[in-house]
Amino acid sequence: MAEFATTESYAVDDRKPPLRMHVFEKEGNAKHDLTGLTNIRFYMRNMADGSTKIAGTTTGNTNPAPATDGILQHAWAAADLDAVGRYHCWFKYDLGTSEDETTTVVEVHVQNAWERFFV
């Protein structure tokens, strides 16, 4: 399975929307069928200093229906986005008899006055 990496941007303490990652097959752009997915773990590491922000939590992780759409989702907790930085984030999960993962980058920034006006 291939990784579909993007960069997502969130303001400090802004926990909506949840982080959603799409998983695609290695060959082509077909969505990976996640039927039978179990044990979804989410990890988050600071890219500047290597410190671990989230170490394999299972809390808040889902595979929204239908499983054939290949989507993984993490609902942010209060402490997840409390510090400005650039973070490497990834899911690990069990699918059948194998373990796999998908990855992305999340940037957490200070919300400026313009953004606050429209929130």
N, C-alpha and C. Protein backbone atom coordinates (compact mmCIF):
# COMPACT_ATOMS: atom_id res chain seq x y z
N MET A 1 0.84 -1.17 0.00
CA MET A 1 0.00 0.00 0.00
C MET A 1 0.88 1.24 0.00
N ALA A 2 0.50 2.24 -0.73
CA ALA A 2 1.26 3.47 -0.84
C ALA A 2 0.82 4.46 0.22
N GLU A 3 1.68 5.43 0.46
CA GLU A 3 1.34 6.51 1.35
C GLU A 3 0.76 7.65 0.53
N PHE A 4 -0.19 8.35 1.07
CA PHE A 4 -0.73 9.54 0.42
C PHE A 4 -0.43 10.69 1.35
N ALA A 5 0.69 11.37 1.12
CA ALA A 5 1.15 12.40 2.05
C ALA A 5 0.71 13.79 1.61
N THR A 6 0.18 14.53 2.54
CA THR A 6 -0.20 15.92 2.32
C THR A 6 0.25 16.72 3.51
N THR A 7 0.08 18.01 3.46
CA THR A 7 0.33 18.85 4.63
C THR A 7 -0.99 19.48 5.03
N GLU A 8 -1.37 19.30 6.27
CA GLU A 8 -2.59 19.88 6.83
C GLU A 8 -2.19 21.02 7.75
N SER A 9 -3.03 22.02 7.88
CA SER A 9 -2.72 23.18 8.72
C SER A 9 -3.85 23.42 9.72
N TYR A 10 -3.46 23.61 10.98
CA TYR A 10 -4.41 23.87 12.06
C TYR A 10 -3.89 25.02 12.91
N ALA A 11 -4.80 25.81 13.46
CA ALA A 11 -4.42 26.83 14.43
C ALA A 11 -4.28 26.17 15.80
N VAL A 12 -3.46 26.77 16.66
CA VAL A 12 -3.29 26.24 18.01
C VAL A 12 -4.66 26.09 18.67
N ASP A 13 -4.88 24.96 19.29
CA ASP A 13 -6.11 24.63 20.02
C ASP A 13 -7.36 24.50 19.14
N ASP A 14 -7.21 24.51 17.83
CA ASP A 14 -8.34 24.35 16.93
C ASP A 14 -8.45 22.87 16.56
N ARG A 15 -9.39 22.18 17.15
CA ARG A 15 -9.48 20.73 16.99
C ARG A 15 -10.44 20.28 15.90
N LYS A 16 -10.97 21.20 15.12
CA LYS A 16 -11.88 20.81 14.04
C LYS A 16 -11.35 21.37 12.74
N PRO A 17 -11.43 20.66 11.68
CA PRO A 17 -12.00 19.31 11.58
C PRO A 17 -10.99 18.26 12.03
N PRO A 18 -11.46 17.02 12.21
CA PRO A 18 -10.52 15.95 12.53
C PRO A 18 -9.57 15.73 11.36
N LEU A 19 -8.43 15.16 11.64
CA LEU A 19 -7.47 14.81 10.59
C LEU A 19 -7.98 13.59 9.84
N ARG A 20 -8.10 13.72 8.52
CA ARG A 20 -8.56 12.60 7.68
C ARG A 20 -7.47 12.29 6.68
N MET A 21 -7.14 11.02 6.55
CA MET A 21 -6.14 10.58 5.60
C MET A 21 -6.74 9.52 4.69
N HIS A 22 -6.48 9.66 3.41
CA HIS A 22 -6.97 8.70 2.42
C HIS A 22 -5.84 7.73 2.09
N VAL A 23 -6.16 6.46 2.05
CA VAL A 23 -5.18 5.43 1.76
C VAL A 23 -5.46 4.88 0.37
N PHE A 24 -4.41 4.84 -0.47
CA PHE A 24 -4.55 4.38 -1.84
C PHE A 24 -3.66 3.17 -2.09
N GLU A 25 -4.02 2.39 -3.10
CA GLU A 25 -3.22 1.24 -3.51
C GLU A 25 -1.89 1.71 -4.10
N LYS A 26 -0.87 0.86 -4.03
CA LYS A 26 0.44 1.19 -4.60
C LYS A 26 0.34 1.42 -6.10
N GLU A 27 -0.39 0.58 -6.76
CA GLU A 27 -0.53 0.67 -8.21
C GLU A 27 -1.76 1.48 -8.55
N GLY A 28 -1.58 2.64 -9.18
CA GLY A 28 -2.72 3.46 -9.56
C GLY A 28 -3.22 4.30 -8.41
N ASN A 29 -4.39 4.85 -8.58
CA ASN A 29 -4.98 5.74 -7.58
C ASN A 29 -6.23 5.16 -6.94
N ALA A 30 -6.39 3.86 -6.97
CA ALA A 30 -7.57 3.23 -6.39
C ALA A 30 -7.54 3.36 -4.87
N LYS A 31 -8.69 3.67 -4.28
CA LYS A 31 -8.81 3.72 -2.82
C LYS A 31 -8.59 2.32 -2.27
N HIS A 32 -7.85 2.25 -1.16
CA HIS A 32 -7.57 0.95 -0.54
C HIS A 32 -8.76 0.55 0.33
N ASP A 33 -9.26 -0.63 0.14
CA ASP A 33 -10.38 -1.15 0.92
C ASP A 33 -9.90 -1.50 2.32
N LEU A 34 -10.43 -0.82 3.32
CA LEU A 34 -10.01 -1.04 4.71
C LEU A 34 -11.00 -1.91 5.48
N THR A 35 -11.78 -2.70 4.78
CA THR A 35 -12.70 -3.63 5.43
C THR A 35 -11.89 -4.61 6.27
N GLY A 36 -12.29 -4.79 7.52
CA GLY A 36 -11.58 -5.69 8.43
C GLY A 36 -10.48 -5.00 9.21
N LEU A 37 -10.37 -3.69 9.08
CA LEU A 37 -9.35 -2.92 9.78
C LEU A 37 -9.53 -3.01 11.29
N THR A 38 -8.43 -3.22 12.01
CA THR A 38 -8.46 -3.26 13.48
C THR A 38 -7.24 -2.54 14.04
N ASN A 39 -7.30 -2.25 15.32
CA ASN A 39 -6.16 -1.72 16.07
C ASN A 39 -5.54 -0.49 15.42
N ILE A 40 -6.34 0.56 15.18
CA ILE A 40 -5.84 1.80 14.57
C ILE A 40 -5.08 2.59 15.63
N ARG A 41 -3.80 2.86 15.37
CA ARG A 41 -2.98 3.66 16.29
C ARG A 41 -2.51 4.92 15.57
N PHE A 42 -2.48 6.04 16.30
CA PHE A 42 -2.07 7.33 15.73
C PHE A 42 -0.82 7.83 16.44
N TYR A 43 0.13 8.33 15.66
CA TYR A 43 1.41 8.82 16.17
C TYR A 43 1.64 10.25 15.67
N MET A 44 2.32 11.06 16.49
CA MET A 44 2.62 12.44 16.10
C MET A 44 3.96 12.83 16.73
N ARG A 45 4.91 13.25 15.88
CA ARG A 45 6.26 13.59 16.35
C ARG A 45 6.65 14.97 15.84
N ASN A 46 7.24 15.79 16.71
CA ASN A 46 7.71 17.13 16.34
C ASN A 46 8.88 16.99 15.37
N MET A 47 8.80 17.63 14.21
CA MET A 47 9.83 17.49 13.19
C MET A 47 11.08 18.30 13.51
N ALA A 48 10.97 19.31 14.37
CA ALA A 48 12.13 20.14 14.72
C ALA A 48 13.05 19.46 15.72
N ASP A 49 12.47 18.87 16.75
CA ASP A 49 13.31 18.30 17.82
C ASP A 49 13.14 16.79 18.00
N GLY A 50 12.25 16.18 17.24
CA GLY A 50 12.07 14.72 17.31
C GLY A 50 11.27 14.24 18.50
N SER A 51 10.75 15.17 19.31
CA SER A 51 10.00 14.74 20.49
C SER A 51 8.65 14.15 20.08
N THR A 52 8.22 13.18 20.85
CA THR A 52 6.95 12.50 20.58
C THR A 52 5.82 13.27 21.23
N LYS A 53 4.82 13.61 20.44
CA LYS A 53 3.62 14.30 20.93
C LYS A 53 2.53 13.28 21.24
N ILE A 54 2.34 12.32 20.35
CA ILE A 54 1.36 11.25 20.53
C ILE A 54 2.05 9.93 20.19
N ALA A 55 1.98 8.97 21.10
CA ALA A 55 2.70 7.71 20.92
C ALA A 55 1.76 6.53 20.77
N GLY A 56 1.12 6.44 19.63
CA GLY A 56 0.32 5.26 19.34
C GLY A 56 -1.01 5.19 20.05
N THR A 57 -1.67 6.32 20.21
CA THR A 57 -2.97 6.30 20.88
C THR A 57 -4.02 5.61 20.00
N THR A 58 -4.95 4.93 20.65
CA THR A 58 -6.08 4.34 19.94
C THR A 58 -7.33 5.19 20.14
N THR A 59 -7.25 6.21 21.00
CA THR A 59 -8.39 7.08 21.30
C THR A 59 -8.66 8.05 20.16
N GLY A 60 -9.91 8.11 19.71
CA GLY A 60 -10.30 9.08 18.70
C GLY A 60 -10.04 8.67 17.27
N ASN A 61 -9.57 7.45 17.06
CA ASN A 61 -9.26 6.99 15.71
C ASN A 61 -10.43 6.18 15.15
N THR A 62 -10.80 6.48 13.92
CA THR A 62 -11.90 5.76 13.29
C THR A 62 -11.61 5.51 11.82
N ASN A 63 -12.39 4.64 11.27
CA ASN A 63 -12.41 4.33 9.85
C ASN A 63 -13.84 4.59 9.40
N PRO A 64 -14.16 5.86 9.03
CA PRO A 64 -15.55 6.20 8.69
C PRO A 64 -16.11 5.33 7.58
N ALA A 65 -17.39 5.03 7.68
CA ALA A 65 -18.05 4.18 6.67
C ALA A 65 -18.19 4.95 5.37
N PRO A 66 -18.16 4.29 4.24
CA PRO A 66 -17.87 2.87 4.11
C PRO A 66 -16.37 2.59 4.11
N ALA A 67 -15.99 1.44 4.60
CA ALA A 67 -14.58 1.07 4.70
C ALA A 67 -13.91 1.03 3.33
N THR A 68 -14.69 0.82 2.29
CA THR A 68 -14.13 0.74 0.95
C THR A 68 -13.62 2.10 0.44
N ASP A 69 -13.95 3.21 1.15
CA ASP A 69 -13.45 4.53 0.75
C ASP A 69 -12.01 4.77 1.18
N GLY A 70 -11.44 3.90 2.00
CA GLY A 70 -10.03 4.01 2.39
C GLY A 70 -9.69 5.23 3.21
N ILE A 71 -10.53 5.60 4.16
CA ILE A 71 -10.30 6.80 4.97
C ILE A 71 -9.99 6.42 6.42
N LEU A 72 -8.95 7.06 6.97
CA LEU A 72 -8.64 6.97 8.40
C LEU A 72 -8.83 8.36 8.99
N GLN A 73 -9.28 8.43 10.23
CA GLN A 73 -9.58 9.72 10.85
C GLN A 73 -9.12 9.73 12.29
N HIS A 74 -8.57 10.88 12.72
CA HIS A 74 -8.18 11.08 14.13
C HIS A 74 -8.88 12.33 14.65
N ALA A 75 -9.68 12.18 15.69
CA ALA A 75 -10.34 13.31 16.35
C ALA A 75 -9.36 13.88 17.37
N TRP A 76 -8.99 15.13 17.20
CA TRP A 76 -7.99 15.75 18.05
C TRP A 76 -8.44 15.87 19.50
N ALA A 77 -7.52 15.60 20.43
CA ALA A 77 -7.75 15.83 21.86
C ALA A 77 -7.19 17.21 22.21
N ALA A 78 -7.54 17.74 23.36
CA ALA A 78 -7.14 19.09 23.75
C ALA A 78 -5.62 19.32 23.69
N ALA A 79 -4.83 18.36 24.11
CA ALA A 79 -3.38 18.54 24.16
C ALA A 79 -2.68 18.28 22.82
N ASP A 80 -3.40 17.75 21.84
CA ASP A 80 -2.76 17.39 20.57
C ASP A 80 -2.26 18.60 19.79
N LEU A 81 -3.00 19.70 19.80
CA LEU A 81 -2.66 20.87 19.00
C LEU A 81 -2.42 22.10 19.86
N ASP A 82 -1.75 21.91 20.99
CA ASP A 82 -1.54 23.01 21.93
C ASP A 82 -0.22 23.75 21.74
N ALA A 83 0.60 23.35 20.78
CA ALA A 83 1.90 23.99 20.58
C ALA A 83 2.18 24.19 19.09
N VAL A 84 2.68 25.37 18.76
CA VAL A 84 3.06 25.68 17.39
C VAL A 84 4.18 24.74 16.96
N GLY A 85 4.14 24.29 15.73
CA GLY A 85 5.21 23.43 15.23
C GLY A 85 4.79 22.70 13.97
N ARG A 86 5.71 21.92 13.47
CA ARG A 86 5.48 21.07 12.29
C ARG A 86 5.66 19.64 12.77
N TYR A 87 4.67 18.81 12.51
CA TYR A 87 4.65 17.46 13.07
C TYR A 87 4.49 16.40 11.97
N HIS A 88 5.23 15.33 12.13
CA HIS A 88 5.06 14.16 11.27
C HIS A 88 4.00 13.29 11.96
N CYS A 89 2.93 12.99 11.25
CA CYS A 89 1.83 12.20 11.81
C CYS A 89 1.63 10.95 10.97
N TRP A 90 1.27 9.86 11.64
CA TRP A 90 0.99 8.65 10.89
C TRP A 90 0.07 7.73 11.68
N PHE A 91 -0.63 6.91 10.92
CA PHE A 91 -1.47 5.85 11.47
C PHE A 91 -0.77 4.53 11.23
N LYS A 92 -0.87 3.63 12.19
CA LYS A 92 -0.52 2.23 11.98
C LYS A 92 -1.79 1.45 12.27
N TYR A 93 -1.98 0.38 11.53
CA TYR A 93 -3.21 -0.38 11.69
C TYR A 93 -3.01 -1.81 11.22
N ASP A 94 -3.86 -2.68 11.70
CA ASP A 94 -3.83 -4.08 11.30
C ASP A 94 -4.95 -4.31 10.30
N LEU A 95 -4.60 -4.97 9.21
CA LEU A 95 -5.56 -5.27 8.17
C LEU A 95 -5.33 -6.71 7.76
N GLY A 96 -6.23 -7.57 8.20
CA GLY A 96 -6.03 -9.00 7.94
C GLY A 96 -4.85 -9.51 8.75
N THR A 97 -3.86 -10.06 8.08
CA THR A 97 -2.70 -10.62 8.77
C THR A 97 -1.48 -9.71 8.71
N SER A 98 -1.64 -8.49 8.18
CA SER A 98 -0.47 -7.61 8.06
C SER A 98 -0.71 -6.28 8.77
N GLU A 99 0.41 -5.60 9.07
CA GLU A 99 0.35 -4.26 9.65
C GLU A 99 0.80 -3.29 8.57
N ASP A 100 0.17 -2.13 8.48
CA ASP A 100 0.51 -1.14 7.47
C ASP A 100 0.45 0.23 8.10
N GLU A 101 0.88 1.26 7.34
CA GLU A 101 0.78 2.62 7.85
C GLU A 101 0.64 3.61 6.70
N THR A 102 0.15 4.80 7.04
CA THR A 102 0.04 5.92 6.11
C THR A 102 0.47 7.17 6.86
N THR A 103 0.97 8.17 6.16
CA THR A 103 1.63 9.29 6.83
C THR A 103 1.26 10.64 6.21
N THR A 104 1.43 11.71 7.00
CA THR A 104 1.22 13.08 6.53
C THR A 104 2.00 14.03 7.42
N VAL A 105 1.97 15.31 7.09
CA VAL A 105 2.59 16.36 7.90
C VAL A 105 1.48 17.30 8.35
N VAL A 106 1.52 17.69 9.63
CA VAL A 106 0.56 18.64 10.19
C VAL A 106 1.33 19.86 10.68
N GLU A 107 0.90 21.03 10.26
CA GLU A 107 1.48 22.28 10.75
C GLU A 107 0.49 22.93 11.71
N VAL A 108 0.97 23.27 12.91
CA VAL A 108 0.14 23.96 13.90
C VAL A 108 0.69 25.38 13.99
N HIS A 109 -0.17 26.37 13.81
CA HIS A 109 0.27 27.76 13.76
C HIS A 109 -0.59 28.63 14.66
N VAL A 110 -0.10 29.82 14.92
CA VAL A 110 -0.88 30.81 15.69
C VAL A 110 -1.91 31.39 14.75
N GLN A 111 -3.13 31.42 15.17
CA GLN A 111 -4.21 31.96 14.35
C GLN A 111 -4.09 33.49 14.30
N ASN A 112 -4.10 34.02 13.09
CA ASN A 112 -3.97 35.48 12.98
C ASN A 112 -5.34 36.16 13.08
N ALA A 113 -5.34 37.47 13.16
CA ALA A 113 -6.59 38.23 13.34
C ALA A 113 -7.55 38.00 12.19
N TRP A 114 -7.07 37.89 10.98
CA TRP A 114 -7.91 37.67 9.81
C TRP A 114 -8.66 36.35 9.93
N GLU A 115 -7.96 35.28 10.35
CA GLU A 115 -8.61 33.99 10.51
C GLU A 115 -9.66 34.02 11.62
N ARG A 116 -9.35 34.69 12.72
CA ARG A 116 -10.29 34.77 13.85
C ARG A 116 -11.57 35.48 13.43
N PHE A 117 -11.47 36.43 12.52
CA PHE A 117 -12.63 37.18 12.05
C PHE A 117 -13.64 36.26 11.37
N PHE A 118 -13.17 35.24 10.66
CA PHE A 118 -14.05 34.37 9.90
C PHE A 118 -14.40 33.08 10.61
N VAL A 119 -13.93 32.86 11.80
CA VAL A 119 -14.22 31.62 12.51
C VAL A 119 -15.51 31.73 13.28
